[in-house]
Amino acid sequence: VCGPVDRFTGEVTDWLIQRTIAAAAEVSE
């Protein structure tokens, strides 16, 4: 997931991390 760095802060980043890991795991499966 990529975008302007000022949108990747705090709790938003933590949530994006979870969603990205889950997405990659789904594709791997």
PDB file of all heavy atoms in Angstrom:
ATOM      1  N   VAL A   1       0.879  -1.165   0.000  1.00  0.00           N
ATOM      2  CA  VAL A   1       0.000   0.000   0.000  1.00  0.00           C
ATOM      3  C   VAL A   1       0.914   1.212   0.000  1.00  0.00           C
ATOM      4  O   VAL A   1       1.857   1.284   0.798  1.00  0.00           O
ATOM      5  CB  VAL A   1      -0.901   0.020   1.251  1.00  0.00           C
ATOM      6  CG1 VAL A   1      -1.739   1.284   1.283  1.00  0.00           C
ATOM      7  CG2 VAL A   1      -1.799  -1.208   1.287  1.00  0.00           C
ATOM      8  N   CYS A   2       0.672   2.168  -0.891  1.00  0.00           N
ATOM      9  CA  CYS A   2       1.573   3.319  -0.975  1.00  0.00           C
ATOM     10  C   CYS A   2       0.802   4.609  -1.212  1.00  0.00           C
ATOM     11  O   CYS A   2      -0.276   4.609  -1.806  1.00  0.00           O
ATOM     12  CB  CYS A   2       2.625   3.115  -2.067  1.00  0.00           C
ATOM     13  SG  CYS A   2       1.960   2.805  -3.717  1.00  0.00           S
ATOM     14  N   GLY A   3       1.372   5.711  -0.717  1.00  0.00           N
ATOM     15  CA  GLY A   3       0.746   7.013  -0.875  1.00  0.00           C
ATOM     16  C   GLY A   3       1.623   8.096  -0.286  1.00  0.00           C
ATOM     17  O   GLY A   3       2.759   7.837   0.146  1.00  0.00           O
ATOM     18  N   PRO A   4       1.122   9.325  -0.212  1.00  0.00           N
ATOM     19  CA  PRO A   4       1.891  10.417   0.395  1.00  0.00           C
ATOM     20  C   PRO A   4       2.239  10.078   1.838  1.00  0.00           C
ATOM     21  O   PRO A   4       1.387   9.600   2.593  1.00  0.00           O
ATOM     22  CB  PRO A   4       0.923  11.607   0.315  1.00  0.00           C
ATOM     23  CG  PRO A   4       0.023  11.283  -0.833  1.00  0.00           C
ATOM     24  CD  PRO A   4      -0.157   9.797  -0.783  1.00  0.00           C
ATOM     25  N   VAL A   5       3.477  10.323   2.227  1.00  0.00           N
ATOM     26  CA  VAL A   5       3.976   9.882   3.527  1.00  0.00           C
ATOM     27  C   VAL A   5       3.218  10.522   4.688  1.00  0.00           C
ATOM     28  O   VAL A   5       3.098   9.919   5.763  1.00  0.00           O
ATOM     29  CB  VAL A   5       5.486  10.150   3.632  1.00  0.00           C
ATOM     30  CG1 VAL A   5       5.775  11.650   3.749  1.00  0.00           C
ATOM     31  CG2 VAL A   5       6.100   9.386   4.788  1.00  0.00           C
ATOM     32  N   ASP A   6       2.669  11.726   4.489  1.00  0.00           N
ATOM     33  CA  ASP A   6       1.982  12.377   5.601  1.00  0.00           C
ATOM     34  C   ASP A   6       0.653  11.714   5.939  1.00  0.00           C
ATOM     35  O   ASP A   6       0.040  12.035   6.955  1.00  0.00           O
ATOM     36  CB  ASP A   6       1.785  13.876   5.325  1.00  0.00           C
ATOM     37  CG  ASP A   6       0.992  14.157   4.052  1.00  0.00           C
ATOM     38  OD1 ASP A   6       0.525  13.203   3.411  1.00  0.00           O
ATOM     39  OD2 ASP A   6       0.853  15.350   3.713  1.00  0.00           O
ATOM     40  N   ARG A   7       0.209  10.764   5.111  1.00  0.00           N
ATOM     41  CA  ARG A   7      -1.002  10.005   5.434  1.00  0.00           C
ATOM     42  C   ARG A   7      -0.674   8.692   6.146  1.00  0.00           C
ATOM     43  O   ARG A   7      -1.565   7.961   6.553  1.00  0.00           O
ATOM     44  CB  ARG A   7      -1.814   9.725   4.163  1.00  0.00           C
ATOM     45  CG  ARG A   7      -2.331  10.979   3.486  1.00  0.00           C
ATOM     46  CD  ARG A   7      -3.598  10.743   2.686  1.00  0.00           C
ATOM     47  NE  ARG A   7      -3.419   9.937   1.499  1.00  0.00           N
ATOM     48  CZ  ARG A   7      -3.441  10.405   0.248  1.00  0.00           C
ATOM     49  NH1 ARG A   7      -3.574  11.714   0.043  1.00  0.00           N
ATOM     50  NH2 ARG A   7      -3.311   9.607  -0.775  1.00  0.00           N
ATOM     51  N   PHE A   8       0.621   8.399   6.308  1.00  0.00           N
ATOM     52  CA  PHE A   8       1.054   7.147   6.937  1.00  0.00           C
ATOM     53  C   PHE A   8       1.565   7.457   8.346  1.00  0.00           C
ATOM     54  O   PHE A   8       2.758   7.428   8.622  1.00  0.00           O
ATOM     55  CB  PHE A   8       2.149   6.487   6.109  1.00  0.00           C
ATOM     56  CG  PHE A   8       1.638   5.817   4.858  1.00  0.00           C
ATOM     57  CD1 PHE A   8       1.008   6.556   3.864  1.00  0.00           C
ATOM     58  CD2 PHE A   8       1.778   4.448   4.676  1.00  0.00           C
ATOM     59  CE1 PHE A   8       0.525   5.940   2.711  1.00  0.00           C
ATOM     60  CE2 PHE A   8       1.306   3.827   3.526  1.00  0.00           C
ATOM     61  CZ  PHE A   8       0.676   4.574   2.545  1.00  0.00           C
ATOM     62  N   THR A   9       0.639   7.780   9.237  1.00  0.00           N
ATOM     63  CA  THR A   9       1.030   8.166  10.585  1.00  0.00           C
ATOM     64  C   THR A   9       0.156   7.467  11.617  1.00  0.00           C
ATOM     65  O   THR A   9      -0.978   7.084  11.343  1.00  0.00           O
ATOM     66  CB  THR A   9       0.880   9.688  10.781  1.00  0.00           C
ATOM     67  OG1 THR A   9      -0.485  10.052  10.520  1.00  0.00           O
ATOM     68  CG2 THR A   9       1.801  10.461   9.855  1.00  0.00           C
ATOM     69  N   GLY A  10       0.714   7.304  12.802  1.00  0.00           N
ATOM     70  CA  GLY A  10      -0.020   6.871  13.979  1.00  0.00           C
ATOM     71  C   GLY A  10      -0.858   5.628  13.792  1.00  0.00           C
ATOM     72  O   GLY A  10      -0.413   4.620  13.223  1.00  0.00           O
ATOM     73  N   GLU A  11      -2.093   5.679  14.296  1.00  0.00           N
ATOM     74  CA  GLU A  11      -2.986   4.532  14.259  1.00  0.00           C
ATOM     75  C   GLU A  11      -3.317   4.117  12.832  1.00  0.00           C
ATOM     76  O   GLU A  11      -3.587   2.943  12.578  1.00  0.00           O
ATOM     77  CB  GLU A  11      -4.267   4.843  15.026  1.00  0.00           C
ATOM     78  CG  GLU A  11      -4.059   5.021  16.531  1.00  0.00           C
ATOM     79  CD  GLU A  11      -5.356   5.304  17.243  1.00  0.00           C
ATOM     80  OE1 GLU A  11      -6.400   5.402  16.562  1.00  0.00           O
ATOM     81  OE2 GLU A  11      -5.336   5.430  18.484  1.00  0.00           O
ATOM     82  N   VAL A  12      -3.320   5.064  11.900  1.00  0.00           N
ATOM     83  CA  VAL A  12      -3.590   4.732  10.496  1.00  0.00           C
ATOM     84  C   VAL A  12      -2.545   3.747   9.987  1.00  0.00           C
ATOM     85  O   VAL A  12      -2.870   2.749   9.327  1.00  0.00           O
ATOM     86  CB  VAL A  12      -3.612   6.002   9.622  1.00  0.00           C
ATOM     87  CG1 VAL A  12      -3.701   5.633   8.144  1.00  0.00           C
ATOM     88  CG2 VAL A  12      -4.767   6.898  10.009  1.00  0.00           C
ATOM     89  N   THR A  13      -1.290   4.012  10.324  1.00  0.00           N
ATOM     90  CA  THR A  13      -0.208   3.133   9.883  1.00  0.00           C
ATOM     91  C   THR A  13      -0.353   1.749  10.501  1.00  0.00           C
ATOM     92  O   THR A  13      -0.174   0.732   9.820  1.00  0.00           O
ATOM     93  CB  THR A  13       1.155   3.737  10.249  1.00  0.00           C
ATOM     94  OG1 THR A  13       1.327   4.953   9.531  1.00  0.00           O
ATOM     95  CG2 THR A  13       2.290   2.784   9.889  1.00  0.00           C
ATOM     96  N   ASP A  14      -0.679   1.689  11.779  1.00  0.00           N
ATOM     97  CA  ASP A  14      -0.863   0.391  12.430  1.00  0.00           C
ATOM     98  C   ASP A  14      -1.965  -0.410  11.737  1.00  0.00           C
ATOM     99  O   ASP A  14      -1.839  -1.620  11.520  1.00  0.00           O
ATOM    100  CB  ASP A  14      -1.210   0.578  13.908  1.00  0.00           C
ATOM    101  CG  ASP A  14      -0.049   1.149  14.702  1.00  0.00           C
ATOM    102  OD1 ASP A  14       1.108   0.957  14.281  1.00  0.00           O
ATOM    103  OD2 ASP A  14      -0.299   1.780  15.738  1.00  0.00           O
ATOM    104  N   TRP A  15      -3.039   0.269  11.372  1.00  0.00           N
ATOM    105  CA  TRP A  15      -4.153  -0.400  10.682  1.00  0.00           C
ATOM    106  C   TRP A  15      -3.732  -0.841   9.277  1.00  0.00           C
ATOM    107  O   TRP A  15      -4.059  -1.953   8.840  1.00  0.00           O
ATOM    108  CB  TRP A  15      -5.346   0.541  10.624  1.00  0.00           C
ATOM    109  CG  TRP A  15      -6.534  -0.040   9.925  1.00  0.00           C
ATOM    110  CD1 TRP A  15      -7.406  -0.978  10.407  1.00  0.00           C
ATOM    111  CD2 TRP A  15      -6.986   0.293   8.606  1.00  0.00           C
ATOM    112  NE1 TRP A  15      -8.362  -1.265   9.468  1.00  0.00           N
ATOM    113  CE2 TRP A  15      -8.129  -0.489   8.352  1.00  0.00           C
ATOM    114  CE3 TRP A  15      -6.541   1.169   7.622  1.00  0.00           C
ATOM    115  CZ2 TRP A  15      -8.841  -0.431   7.153  1.00  0.00           C
ATOM    116  CZ3 TRP A  15      -7.247   1.233   6.430  1.00  0.00           C
ATOM    117  CH2 TRP A  15      -8.361   0.452   6.207  1.00  0.00           C
ATOM    118  N   LEU A  16      -2.982   0.005   8.575  1.00  0.00           N
ATOM    119  CA  LEU A  16      -2.503  -0.356   7.241  1.00  0.00           C
ATOM    120  C   LEU A  16      -1.574  -1.568   7.291  1.00  0.00           C
ATOM    121  O   LEU A  16      -1.600  -2.420   6.396  1.00  0.00           O
ATOM    122  CB  LEU A  16      -1.778   0.827   6.598  1.00  0.00           C
ATOM    123  CG  LEU A  16      -2.642   2.014   6.171  1.00  0.00           C
ATOM    124  CD1 LEU A  16      -1.765   3.173   5.705  1.00  0.00           C
ATOM    125  CD2 LEU A  16      -3.624   1.614   5.070  1.00  0.00           C
ATOM    126  N   ILE A  17      -0.747  -1.636   8.336  1.00  0.00           N
ATOM    127  CA  ILE A  17       0.132  -2.791   8.504  1.00  0.00           C
ATOM    128  C   ILE A  17      -0.686  -4.069   8.595  1.00  0.00           C
ATOM    129  O   ILE A  17      -0.416  -5.066   7.908  1.00  0.00           O
ATOM    130  CB  ILE A  17       1.015  -2.620   9.758  1.00  0.00           C
ATOM    131  CG1 ILE A  17       2.079  -1.551   9.517  1.00  0.00           C
ATOM    132  CG2 ILE A  17       1.679  -3.942  10.151  1.00  0.00           C
ATOM    133  CD1 ILE A  17       2.855  -1.174  10.769  1.00  0.00           C
ATOM    134  N   GLN A  18      -1.711  -4.068   9.424  1.00  0.00           N
ATOM    135  CA  GLN A  18      -2.551  -5.247   9.599  1.00  0.00           C
ATOM    136  C   GLN A  18      -3.237  -5.651   8.297  1.00  0.00           C
ATOM    137  O   GLN A  18      -3.285  -6.834   7.943  1.00  0.00           O
ATOM    138  CB  GLN A  18      -3.588  -4.984  10.692  1.00  0.00           C
ATOM    139  CG  GLN A  18      -2.998  -4.765  12.068  1.00  0.00           C
ATOM    140  CD  GLN A  18      -4.041  -4.322  13.078  1.00  0.00           C
ATOM    141  OE1 GLN A  18      -5.240  -4.327  12.791  1.00  0.00           O
ATOM    142  NE2 GLN A  18      -3.583  -3.927  14.253  1.00  0.00           N
ATOM    143  N   ARG A  19      -3.766  -4.652   7.577  1.00  0.00           N
ATOM    144  CA  ARG A  19      -4.473  -4.944   6.325  1.00  0.00           C
ATOM    145  C   ARG A  19      -3.507  -5.469   5.258  1.00  0.00           C
ATOM    146  O   ARG A  19      -3.851  -6.369   4.483  1.00  0.00           O
ATOM    147  CB  ARG A  19      -5.188  -3.686   5.802  1.00  0.00           C
ATOM    148  CG  ARG A  19      -6.262  -3.115   6.686  1.00  0.00           C
ATOM    149  CD  ARG A  19      -7.280  -4.167   7.134  1.00  0.00           C
ATOM    150  NE  ARG A  19      -7.802  -4.902   5.996  1.00  0.00           N
ATOM    151  CZ  ARG A  19      -8.063  -6.213   6.007  1.00  0.00           C
ATOM    152  NH1 ARG A  19      -7.809  -6.924   7.099  1.00  0.00           N
ATOM    153  NH2 ARG A  19      -8.546  -6.805   4.933  1.00  0.00           N
ATOM    154  N   THR A  20      -2.307  -4.921   5.197  1.00  0.00           N
ATOM    155  CA  THR A  20      -1.335  -5.356   4.188  1.00  0.00           C
ATOM    156  C   THR A  20      -0.869  -6.777   4.464  1.00  0.00           C
ATOM    157  O   THR A  20      -0.763  -7.602   3.536  1.00  0.00           O
ATOM    158  CB  THR A  20      -0.132  -4.399   4.146  1.00  0.00           C
ATOM    159  OG1 THR A  20      -0.593  -3.057   3.927  1.00  0.00           O
ATOM    160  CG2 THR A  20       0.829  -4.772   3.027  1.00  0.00           C
ATOM    161  N   ILE A  21      -0.564  -7.089   5.704  1.00  0.00           N
ATOM    162  CA  ILE A  21      -0.150  -8.448   6.068  1.00  0.00           C
ATOM    163  C   ILE A  21      -1.262  -9.442   5.743  1.00  0.00           C
ATOM    164  O   ILE A  21      -1.010 -10.521   5.184  1.00  0.00           O
ATOM    165  CB  ILE A  21       0.237  -8.512   7.555  1.00  0.00           C
ATOM    166  CG1 ILE A  21       1.544  -7.758   7.796  1.00  0.00           C
ATOM    167  CG2 ILE A  21       0.378  -9.967   8.015  1.00  0.00           C
ATOM    168  CD1 ILE A  21       1.936  -7.652   9.252  1.00  0.00           C
ATOM    169  N   ALA A  22      -2.500  -9.087   6.078  1.00  0.00           N
ATOM    170  CA  ALA A  22      -3.628  -9.982   5.797  1.00  0.00           C
ATOM    171  C   ALA A  22      -3.803 -10.192   4.295  1.00  0.00           C
ATOM    172  O   ALA A  22      -4.084 -11.312   3.842  1.00  0.00           O
ATOM    173  CB  ALA A  22      -4.901  -9.413   6.412  1.00  0.00           C
ATOM    174  N   ALA A  23      -3.633  -9.127   3.512  1.00  0.00           N
ATOM    175  CA  ALA A  23      -3.775  -9.238   2.059  1.00  0.00           C
ATOM    176  C   ALA A  23      -2.707 -10.145   1.471  1.00  0.00           C
ATOM    177  O   ALA A  23      -2.991 -10.997   0.620  1.00  0.00           O
ATOM    178  CB  ALA A  23      -3.703  -7.847   1.422  1.00  0.00           C
ATOM    179  N   ALA A  24      -1.465  -9.964   1.910  1.00  0.00           N
ATOM    180  CA  ALA A  24      -0.374 -10.794   1.405  1.00  0.00           C
ATOM    181  C   ALA A  24      -0.585 -12.257   1.788  1.00  0.00           C
ATOM    182  O   ALA A  24      -0.313 -13.166   0.990  1.00  0.00           O
ATOM    183  CB  ALA A  24       0.962 -10.292   1.939  1.00  0.00           C
ATOM    184  N   ALA A  25      -1.078 -12.498   3.003  1.00  0.00           N
ATOM    185  CA  ALA A  25      -1.341 -13.865   3.433  1.00  0.00           C
ATOM    186  C   ALA A  25      -2.439 -14.505   2.588  1.00  0.00           C
ATOM    187  O   ALA A  25      -2.367 -15.690   2.255  1.00  0.00           O
ATOM    188  CB  ALA A  25      -1.735 -13.869   4.908  1.00  0.00           C
ATOM    189  N   GLU A  26      -3.439 -13.714   2.229  1.00  0.00           N
ATOM    190  CA  GLU A  26      -4.527 -14.225   1.388  1.00  0.00           C
ATOM    191  C   GLU A  26      -4.015 -14.620   0.001  1.00  0.00           C
ATOM    192  O   GLU A  26      -4.389 -15.664  -0.540  1.00  0.00           O
ATOM    193  CB  GLU A  26      -5.632 -13.178   1.274  1.00  0.00           C
ATOM    194  CG  GLU A  26      -6.840 -13.644   0.480  1.00  0.00           C
ATOM    195  CD  GLU A  26      -7.951 -12.622   0.440  1.00  0.00           C
ATOM    196  OE1 GLU A  26      -7.900 -11.630   1.208  1.00  0.00           O
ATOM    197  OE2 GLU A  26      -8.879 -12.799  -0.373  1.00  0.00           O
ATOM    198  N   VAL A  27      -3.156 -13.778  -0.561  1.00  0.00           N
ATOM    199  CA  VAL A  27      -2.596 -14.101  -1.884  1.00  0.00           C
ATOM    200  C   VAL A  27      -1.704 -15.336  -1.779  1.00  0.00           C
ATOM    201  O   VAL A  27      -1.756 -16.225  -2.641  1.00  0.00           O
ATOM    202  CB  VAL A  27      -1.807 -12.900  -2.447  1.00  0.00           C
ATOM    203  CG1 VAL A  27      -1.148 -13.277  -3.771  1.00  0.00           C
ATOM    204  CG2 VAL A  27      -2.727 -11.698  -2.641  1.00  0.00           C
ATOM    205  N   SER A  28      -0.894 -15.414  -0.735  1.00  0.00           N
ATOM    206  CA  SER A  28      -0.032 -16.587  -0.529  1.00  0.00           C
ATOM    207  C   SER A  28      -0.871 -17.857  -0.447  1.00  0.00           C
ATOM    208  O   SER A  28      -0.531 -18.891  -1.048  1.00  0.00           O
ATOM    209  CB  SER A  28       0.794 -16.426   0.747  1.00  0.00           C
ATOM    210  OG  SER A  28       1.673 -15.332   0.656  1.00  0.00           O
ATOM    211  N   GLU A  29      -1.965 -17.789   0.289  1.00  0.00           N
ATOM    212  CA  GLU A  29      -2.847 -18.957   0.421  1.00  0.00           C
ATOM    213  C   GLU A  29      -3.432 -19.346  -0.933  1.00  0.00           C
ATOM    214  O   GLU A  29      -3.531 -20.542  -1.260  1.00  0.00           O
ATOM    215  CB  GLU A  29      -3.961 -18.644   1.409  1.00  0.00           C
ATOM    216  CG  GLU A  29      -4.889 -19.829   1.676  1.00  0.00           C
ATOM    217  CD  GLU A  29      -5.964 -19.519   2.697  1.00  0.00           C
ATOM    218  OE1 GLU A  29      -5.951 -18.401   3.263  1.00  0.00           O
ATOM    219  OE2 GLU A  29      -6.830 -20.385   2.924  1.00  0.00           O
TER     220      GLU A  29
END
